[in-house]
PDB file of all heavy atoms in Angstrom:
ATOM      1  N   THR A   1      42.417  68.746 -17.296  1.00  0.00           N
ATOM      2  CA  THR A   1      42.528  67.292 -17.473  1.00  0.00           C
ATOM      3  C   THR A   1      42.436  66.920 -18.946  1.00  0.00           C
ATOM      4  O   THR A   1      43.197  66.095 -19.447  1.00  0.00           O
ATOM      5  CB  THR A   1      41.425  66.570 -16.682  1.00  0.00           C
ATOM      6  OG1 THR A   1      41.580  66.871 -15.295  1.00  0.00           O
ATOM      7  CG2 THR A   1      41.512  65.069 -16.889  1.00  0.00           C
ATOM      8  N   LEU A   2      41.497  67.543 -19.660  1.00  0.00           N
ATOM      9  CA  LEU A   2      41.350  67.259 -21.085  1.00  0.00           C
ATOM     10  C   LEU A   2      42.609  67.654 -21.848  1.00  0.00           C
ATOM     11  O   LEU A   2      43.074  66.906 -22.719  1.00  0.00           O
ATOM     12  CB  LEU A   2      40.137  68.008 -21.653  1.00  0.00           C
ATOM     13  CG  LEU A   2      39.918  67.868 -23.170  1.00  0.00           C
ATOM     14  CD1 LEU A   2      39.783  66.406 -23.565  1.00  0.00           C
ATOM     15  CD2 LEU A   2      38.697  68.669 -23.608  1.00  0.00           C
ATOM     16  N   ALA A   3      43.158  68.807 -21.522  1.00  0.00           N
ATOM     17  CA  ALA A   3      44.373  69.257 -22.208  1.00  0.00           C
ATOM     18  C   ALA A   3      45.518  68.278 -21.988  1.00  0.00           C
ATOM     19  O   ALA A   3      46.282  67.970 -22.914  1.00  0.00           O
ATOM     20  CB  ALA A   3      44.766  70.651 -21.706  1.00  0.00           C
ATOM     21  N   ARG A   4      45.617  67.768 -20.765  1.00  0.00           N
ATOM     22  CA  ARG A   4      46.686  66.813 -20.458  1.00  0.00           C
ATOM     23  C   ARG A   4      46.503  65.518 -21.244  1.00  0.00           C
ATOM     24  O   ARG A   4      47.452  64.999 -21.842  1.00  0.00           O
ATOM     25  CB  ARG A   4      46.719  66.544 -18.955  1.00  0.00           C
ATOM     26  CG  ARG A   4      47.901  65.666 -18.533  1.00  0.00           C
ATOM     27  CD  ARG A   4      48.015  65.579 -17.021  1.00  0.00           C
ATOM     28  NE  ARG A   4      46.859  64.924 -16.406  1.00  0.00           N
ATOM     29  CZ  ARG A   4      45.940  65.554 -15.686  1.00  0.00           C
ATOM     30  NH1 ARG A   4      46.033  66.856 -15.471  1.00  0.00           N
ATOM     31  NH2 ARG A   4      44.922  64.890 -15.155  1.00  0.00           N
ATOM     32  N   HIS A   5      45.272  64.995 -21.261  1.00  0.00           N
ATOM     33  CA  HIS A   5      45.010  63.749 -21.996  1.00  0.00           C
ATOM     34  C   HIS A   5      45.200  63.949 -23.499  1.00  0.00           C
ATOM     35  O   HIS A   5      45.728  63.070 -24.190  1.00  0.00           O
ATOM     36  CB  HIS A   5      43.580  63.268 -21.729  1.00  0.00           C
ATOM     37  CG  HIS A   5      43.403  62.621 -20.388  1.00  0.00           C
ATOM     38  ND1 HIS A   5      44.184  61.578 -19.958  1.00  0.00           N
ATOM     39  CD2 HIS A   5      42.522  62.879 -19.381  1.00  0.00           C
ATOM     40  CE1 HIS A   5      43.806  61.219 -18.751  1.00  0.00           C
ATOM     41  NE2 HIS A   5      42.797  61.988 -18.371  1.00  0.00           N
ATOM     42  N   PHE A   6      44.774  65.105 -23.988  1.00  0.00           N
ATOM     43  CA  PHE A   6      44.857  65.380 -25.417  1.00  0.00           C
ATOM     44  C   PHE A   6      46.312  65.376 -25.881  1.00  0.00           C
ATOM     45  O   PHE A   6      46.661  64.737 -26.885  1.00  0.00           O
ATOM     46  CB  PHE A   6      44.214  66.730 -25.731  1.00  0.00           C
ATOM     47  CG  PHE A   6      43.796  66.889 -27.163  1.00  0.00           C
ATOM     48  CD1 PHE A   6      42.495  66.627 -27.547  1.00  0.00           C
ATOM     49  CD2 PHE A   6      44.697  67.300 -28.131  1.00  0.00           C
ATOM     50  CE1 PHE A   6      42.095  66.755 -28.864  1.00  0.00           C
ATOM     51  CE2 PHE A   6      44.314  67.428 -29.456  1.00  0.00           C
ATOM     52  CZ  PHE A   6      43.009  67.155 -29.820  1.00  0.00           C
ATOM     53  N   GLU A   7      47.168  66.058 -25.144  1.00  0.00           N
ATOM     54  CA  GLU A   7      48.576  66.119 -25.534  1.00  0.00           C
ATOM     55  C   GLU A   7      49.268  64.776 -25.360  1.00  0.00           C
ATOM     56  O   GLU A   7      50.123  64.394 -26.160  1.00  0.00           O
ATOM     57  CB  GLU A   7      49.298  67.201 -24.738  1.00  0.00           C
ATOM     58  CG  GLU A   7      50.712  67.450 -25.214  1.00  0.00           C
ATOM     59  CD  GLU A   7      51.242  68.805 -24.802  1.00  0.00           C
ATOM     60  OE1 GLU A   7      50.505  69.566 -24.123  1.00  0.00           O
ATOM     61  OE2 GLU A   7      52.390  69.116 -25.147  1.00  0.00           O
ATOM     62  N   LYS A   8      48.874  64.031 -24.323  1.00  0.00           N
ATOM     63  CA  LYS A   8      49.478  62.721 -24.099  1.00  0.00           C
ATOM     64  C   LYS A   8      49.174  61.757 -25.240  1.00  0.00           C
ATOM     65  O   LYS A   8      50.022  60.977 -25.677  1.00  0.00           O
ATOM     66  CB  LYS A   8      48.987  62.134 -22.772  1.00  0.00           C
ATOM     67  CG  LYS A   8      49.577  60.766 -22.443  1.00  0.00           C
ATOM     68  CD  LYS A   8      49.043  60.254 -21.112  1.00  0.00           C
ATOM     69  CE  LYS A   8      49.613  58.876 -20.786  1.00  0.00           C
ATOM     70  NZ  LYS A   8      49.086  58.363 -19.483  1.00  0.00           N
ATOM     71  N   GLU A   9      47.940  61.811 -25.765  1.00  0.00           N
ATOM     72  CA  GLU A   9      47.519  60.845 -26.787  1.00  0.00           C
ATOM     73  C   GLU A   9      47.873  61.260 -28.205  1.00  0.00           C
ATOM     74  O   GLU A   9      48.009  60.409 -29.086  1.00  0.00           O
ATOM     75  CB  GLU A   9      46.006  60.601 -26.683  1.00  0.00           C
ATOM     76  CG  GLU A   9      45.597  59.895 -25.407  1.00  0.00           C
ATOM     77  CD  GLU A   9      44.192  59.323 -25.487  1.00  0.00           C
ATOM     78  OE1 GLU A   9      43.766  58.929 -26.584  1.00  0.00           O
ATOM     79  OE2 GLU A   9      43.522  59.272 -24.434  1.00  0.00           O
ATOM     80  N   THR A  10      48.009  62.568 -28.467  1.00  0.00           N
ATOM     81  CA  THR A  10      48.291  63.018 -29.836  1.00  0.00           C
ATOM     82  C   THR A  10      49.695  63.592 -30.008  1.00  0.00           C
ATOM     83  O   THR A  10      50.177  63.709 -31.131  1.00  0.00           O
ATOM     84  CB  THR A  10      47.286  64.092 -30.286  1.00  0.00           C
ATOM     85  OG1 THR A  10      47.482  65.285 -29.501  1.00  0.00           O
ATOM     86  CG2 THR A  10      45.850  63.601 -30.126  1.00  0.00           C
ATOM     87  N   GLY A  11      50.335  63.966 -28.885  1.00  0.00           N
ATOM     88  CA  GLY A  11      51.646  64.606 -28.991  1.00  0.00           C
ATOM     89  C   GLY A  11      51.559  66.089 -29.321  1.00  0.00           C
ATOM     90  O   GLY A  11      52.585  66.755 -29.465  1.00  0.00           O
ATOM     91  N   LEU A  12      50.341  66.610 -29.442  1.00  0.00           N
ATOM     92  CA  LEU A  12      50.128  68.024 -29.747  1.00  0.00           C
ATOM     93  C   LEU A  12      49.207  68.637 -28.710  1.00  0.00           C
ATOM     94  O   LEU A  12      48.357  67.952 -28.140  1.00  0.00           O
ATOM     95  CB  LEU A  12      49.483  68.192 -31.125  1.00  0.00           C
ATOM     96  CG  LEU A  12      50.246  67.683 -32.347  1.00  0.00           C
ATOM     97  CD1 LEU A  12      49.375  67.811 -33.585  1.00  0.00           C
ATOM     98  CD2 LEU A  12      51.555  68.427 -32.531  1.00  0.00           C
ATOM     99  N   SER A  13      49.370  69.937 -28.494  1.00  0.00           N
ATOM    100  CA  SER A  13      48.394  70.629 -27.663  1.00  0.00           C
ATOM    101  C   SER A  13      47.082  70.721 -28.440  1.00  0.00           C
ATOM    102  O   SER A  13      47.052  70.564 -29.671  1.00  0.00           O
ATOM    103  CB  SER A  13      48.886  72.037 -27.319  1.00  0.00           C
ATOM    104  OG  SER A  13      48.879  72.860 -28.472  1.00  0.00           O
ATOM    105  N   PHE A  14      45.998  70.984 -27.731  1.00  0.00           N
ATOM    106  CA  PHE A  14      44.705  71.118 -28.394  1.00  0.00           C
ATOM    107  C   PHE A  14      44.757  72.207 -29.458  1.00  0.00           C
ATOM    108  O   PHE A  14      44.258  72.026 -30.577  1.00  0.00           O
ATOM    109  CB  PHE A  14      43.618  71.440 -27.370  1.00  0.00           C
ATOM    110  CG  PHE A  14      42.289  71.775 -27.982  1.00  0.00           C
ATOM    111  CD1 PHE A  14      41.458  70.777 -28.460  1.00  0.00           C
ATOM    112  CD2 PHE A  14      41.881  73.103 -28.106  1.00  0.00           C
ATOM    113  CE1 PHE A  14      40.233  71.086 -29.040  1.00  0.00           C
ATOM    114  CE2 PHE A  14      40.658  73.417 -28.682  1.00  0.00           C
ATOM    115  CZ  PHE A  14      39.843  72.396 -29.152  1.00  0.00           C
ATOM    116  N   ARG A  15      45.377  73.328 -29.146  1.00  0.00           N
ATOM    117  CA  ARG A  15      45.455  74.439 -30.098  1.00  0.00           C
ATOM    118  C   ARG A  15      46.248  74.046 -31.342  1.00  0.00           C
ATOM    119  O   ARG A  15      45.839  74.355 -32.466  1.00  0.00           O
ATOM    120  CB  ARG A  15      46.106  75.647 -29.421  1.00  0.00           C
ATOM    121  CG  ARG A  15      46.197  76.885 -30.299  1.00  0.00           C
ATOM    122  CD  ARG A  15      46.792  78.050 -29.535  1.00  0.00           C
ATOM    123  NE  ARG A  15      46.891  79.226 -30.360  1.00  0.00           N
ATOM    124  CZ  ARG A  15      47.389  80.378 -29.959  1.00  0.00           C
ATOM    125  NH1 ARG A  15      47.835  80.509 -28.708  1.00  0.00           N
ATOM    126  NH2 ARG A  15      47.461  81.419 -30.772  1.00  0.00           N
ATOM    127  N   GLN A  16      47.387  73.363 -31.150  1.00  0.00           N
ATOM    128  CA  GLN A  16      48.187  72.925 -32.295  1.00  0.00           C
ATOM    129  C   GLN A  16      47.408  71.939 -33.160  1.00  0.00           C
ATOM    130  O   GLN A  16      47.440  72.019 -34.392  1.00  0.00           O
ATOM    131  CB  GLN A  16      49.477  72.269 -31.806  1.00  0.00           C
ATOM    132  CG  GLN A  16      50.475  73.216 -31.181  1.00  0.00           C
ATOM    133  CD  GLN A  16      51.621  72.463 -30.535  1.00  0.00           C
ATOM    134  OE1 GLN A  16      51.445  71.374 -29.970  1.00  0.00           O
ATOM    135  NE2 GLN A  16      52.808  73.041 -30.602  1.00  0.00           N
ATOM    136  N   TRP A  17      46.704  71.004 -32.514  1.00  0.00           N
ATOM    137  CA  TRP A  17      45.964  69.987 -33.262  1.00  0.00           C
ATOM    138  C   TRP A  17      44.843  70.627 -34.083  1.00  0.00           C
ATOM    139  O   TRP A  17      44.658  70.305 -35.254  1.00  0.00           O
ATOM    140  CB  TRP A  17      45.393  68.956 -32.294  1.00  0.00           C
ATOM    141  CG  TRP A  17      44.902  67.715 -32.965  1.00  0.00           C
ATOM    142  CD1 TRP A  17      45.572  66.545 -33.136  1.00  0.00           C
ATOM    143  CD2 TRP A  17      43.611  67.527 -33.583  1.00  0.00           C
ATOM    144  NE1 TRP A  17      44.787  65.640 -33.817  1.00  0.00           N
ATOM    145  CE2 TRP A  17      43.582  66.214 -34.104  1.00  0.00           C
ATOM    146  CE3 TRP A  17      42.490  68.330 -33.741  1.00  0.00           C
ATOM    147  CZ2 TRP A  17      42.476  65.687 -34.767  1.00  0.00           C
ATOM    148  CZ3 TRP A  17      41.387  67.820 -34.417  1.00  0.00           C
ATOM    149  CH2 TRP A  17      41.379  66.505 -34.915  1.00  0.00           C
ATOM    150  N   ARG A  18      44.114  71.541 -33.471  1.00  0.00           N
ATOM    151  CA  ARG A  18      43.007  72.194 -34.177  1.00  0.00           C
ATOM    152  C   ARG A  18      43.534  73.004 -35.359  1.00  0.00           C
ATOM    153  O   ARG A  18      42.925  73.022 -36.433  1.00  0.00           O
ATOM    154  CB  ARG A  18      42.223  73.098 -33.225  1.00  0.00           C
ATOM    155  CG  ARG A  18      40.983  73.716 -33.875  1.00  0.00           C
ATOM    156  CD  ARG A  18      40.202  74.552 -32.894  1.00  0.00           C
ATOM    157  NE  ARG A  18      40.996  75.653 -32.366  1.00  0.00           N
ATOM    158  CZ  ARG A  18      40.540  76.573 -31.523  1.00  0.00           C
ATOM    159  NH1 ARG A  18      39.305  76.488 -31.083  1.00  0.00           N
ATOM    160  NH2 ARG A  18      41.317  77.529 -31.098  1.00  0.00           N
ATOM    161  N   GLN A  19      44.681  73.662 -35.185  1.00  0.00           N
ATOM    162  CA  GLN A  19      45.256  74.434 -36.283  1.00  0.00           C
ATOM    163  C   GLN A  19      45.619  73.522 -37.454  1.00  0.00           C
ATOM    164  O   GLN A  19      45.383  73.862 -38.623  1.00  0.00           O
ATOM    165  CB  GLN A  19      46.506  75.193 -35.823  1.00  0.00           C
ATOM    166  CG  GLN A  19      47.204  75.941 -36.957  1.00  0.00           C
ATOM    167  CD  GLN A  19      48.388  76.746 -36.477  1.00  0.00           C
ATOM    168  OE1 GLN A  19      48.227  77.738 -35.767  1.00  0.00           O
ATOM    169  NE2 GLN A  19      49.593  76.318 -36.851  1.00  0.00           N
ATOM    170  N   GLN A  20      46.189  72.334 -37.153  1.00  0.00           N
ATOM    171  CA  GLN A  20      46.558  71.420 -38.226  1.00  0.00           C
ATOM    172  C   GLN A  20      45.330  70.848 -38.916  1.00  0.00           C
ATOM    173  O   GLN A  20      45.339  70.632 -40.132  1.00  0.00           O
ATOM    174  CB  GLN A  20      47.479  70.314 -37.697  1.00  0.00           C
ATOM    175  CG  GLN A  20      48.849  70.853 -37.374  1.00  0.00           C
ATOM    176  CD  GLN A  20      49.882  69.800 -37.028  1.00  0.00           C
ATOM    177  OE1 GLN A  20      50.891  70.109 -36.434  1.00  0.00           O
ATOM    178  NE2 GLN A  20      49.650  68.567 -37.391  1.00  0.00           N
ATOM    179  N   ALA A  21      44.270  70.589 -38.155  1.00  0.00           N
ATOM    180  CA  ALA A  21      43.023  70.120 -38.766  1.00  0.00           C
ATOM    181  C   ALA A  21      42.484  71.175 -39.729  1.00  0.00           C
ATOM    182  O   ALA A  21      42.020  70.852 -40.834  1.00  0.00           O
ATOM    183  CB  ALA A  21      41.996  69.803 -37.691  1.00  0.00           C
ATOM    184  N   ARG A  22      42.562  72.429 -39.341  1.00  0.00           N
ATOM    185  CA  ARG A  22      42.089  73.500 -40.212  1.00  0.00           C
ATOM    186  C   ARG A  22      43.007  73.676 -41.418  1.00  0.00           C
ATOM    187  O   ARG A  22      42.546  73.976 -42.526  1.00  0.00           O
ATOM    188  CB  ARG A  22      41.994  74.809 -39.416  1.00  0.00           C
ATOM    189  CG  ARG A  22      40.838  74.824 -38.432  1.00  0.00           C
ATOM    190  CD  ARG A  22      40.789  76.108 -37.640  1.00  0.00           C
ATOM    191  NE  ARG A  22      39.568  76.190 -36.844  1.00  0.00           N
ATOM    192  CZ  ARG A  22      39.290  77.189 -36.010  1.00  0.00           C
ATOM    193  NH1 ARG A  22      40.148  78.189 -35.861  1.00  0.00           N
ATOM    194  NH2 ARG A  22      38.161  77.188 -35.331  1.00  0.00           N
ATOM    195  N   LEU A  23      44.306  73.473 -41.211  1.00  0.00           N
ATOM    196  CA  LEU A  23      45.253  73.593 -42.313  1.00  0.00           C
ATOM    197  C   LEU A  23      44.979  72.534 -43.379  1.00  0.00           C
ATOM    198  O   LEU A  23      45.015  72.805 -44.582  1.00  0.00           O
ATOM    199  CB  LEU A  23      46.682  73.467 -41.791  1.00  0.00           C
ATOM    200  CG  LEU A  23      47.793  73.592 -42.824  1.00  0.00           C
ATOM    201  CD1 LEU A  23      47.767  74.966 -43.478  1.00  0.00           C
ATOM    202  CD2 LEU A  23      49.145  73.325 -42.182  1.00  0.00           C
ATOM    203  N   ILE A  24      44.684  71.313 -42.935  1.00  0.00           N
ATOM    204  CA  ILE A  24      44.375  70.241 -43.878  1.00  0.00           C
ATOM    205  C   ILE A  24      43.124  70.585 -44.681  1.00  0.00           C
ATOM    206  O   ILE A  24      43.071  70.395 -45.898  1.00  0.00           O
ATOM    207  CB  ILE A  24      44.209  68.907 -43.123  1.00  0.00           C
ATOM    208  CG1 ILE A  24      45.583  68.405 -42.657  1.00  0.00           C
ATOM    209  CG2 ILE A  24      43.512  67.855 -43.978  1.00  0.00           C
ATOM    210  CD1 ILE A  24      45.533  67.195 -41.766  1.00  0.00           C
TER     211      ILE A  24
END
């Protein structure tokens, strides 16, 4: 459920979002 909500609200999977946060 969290994965579904996360991708719906950010347009990214949780893994993709975390990677970009670390990249920044």
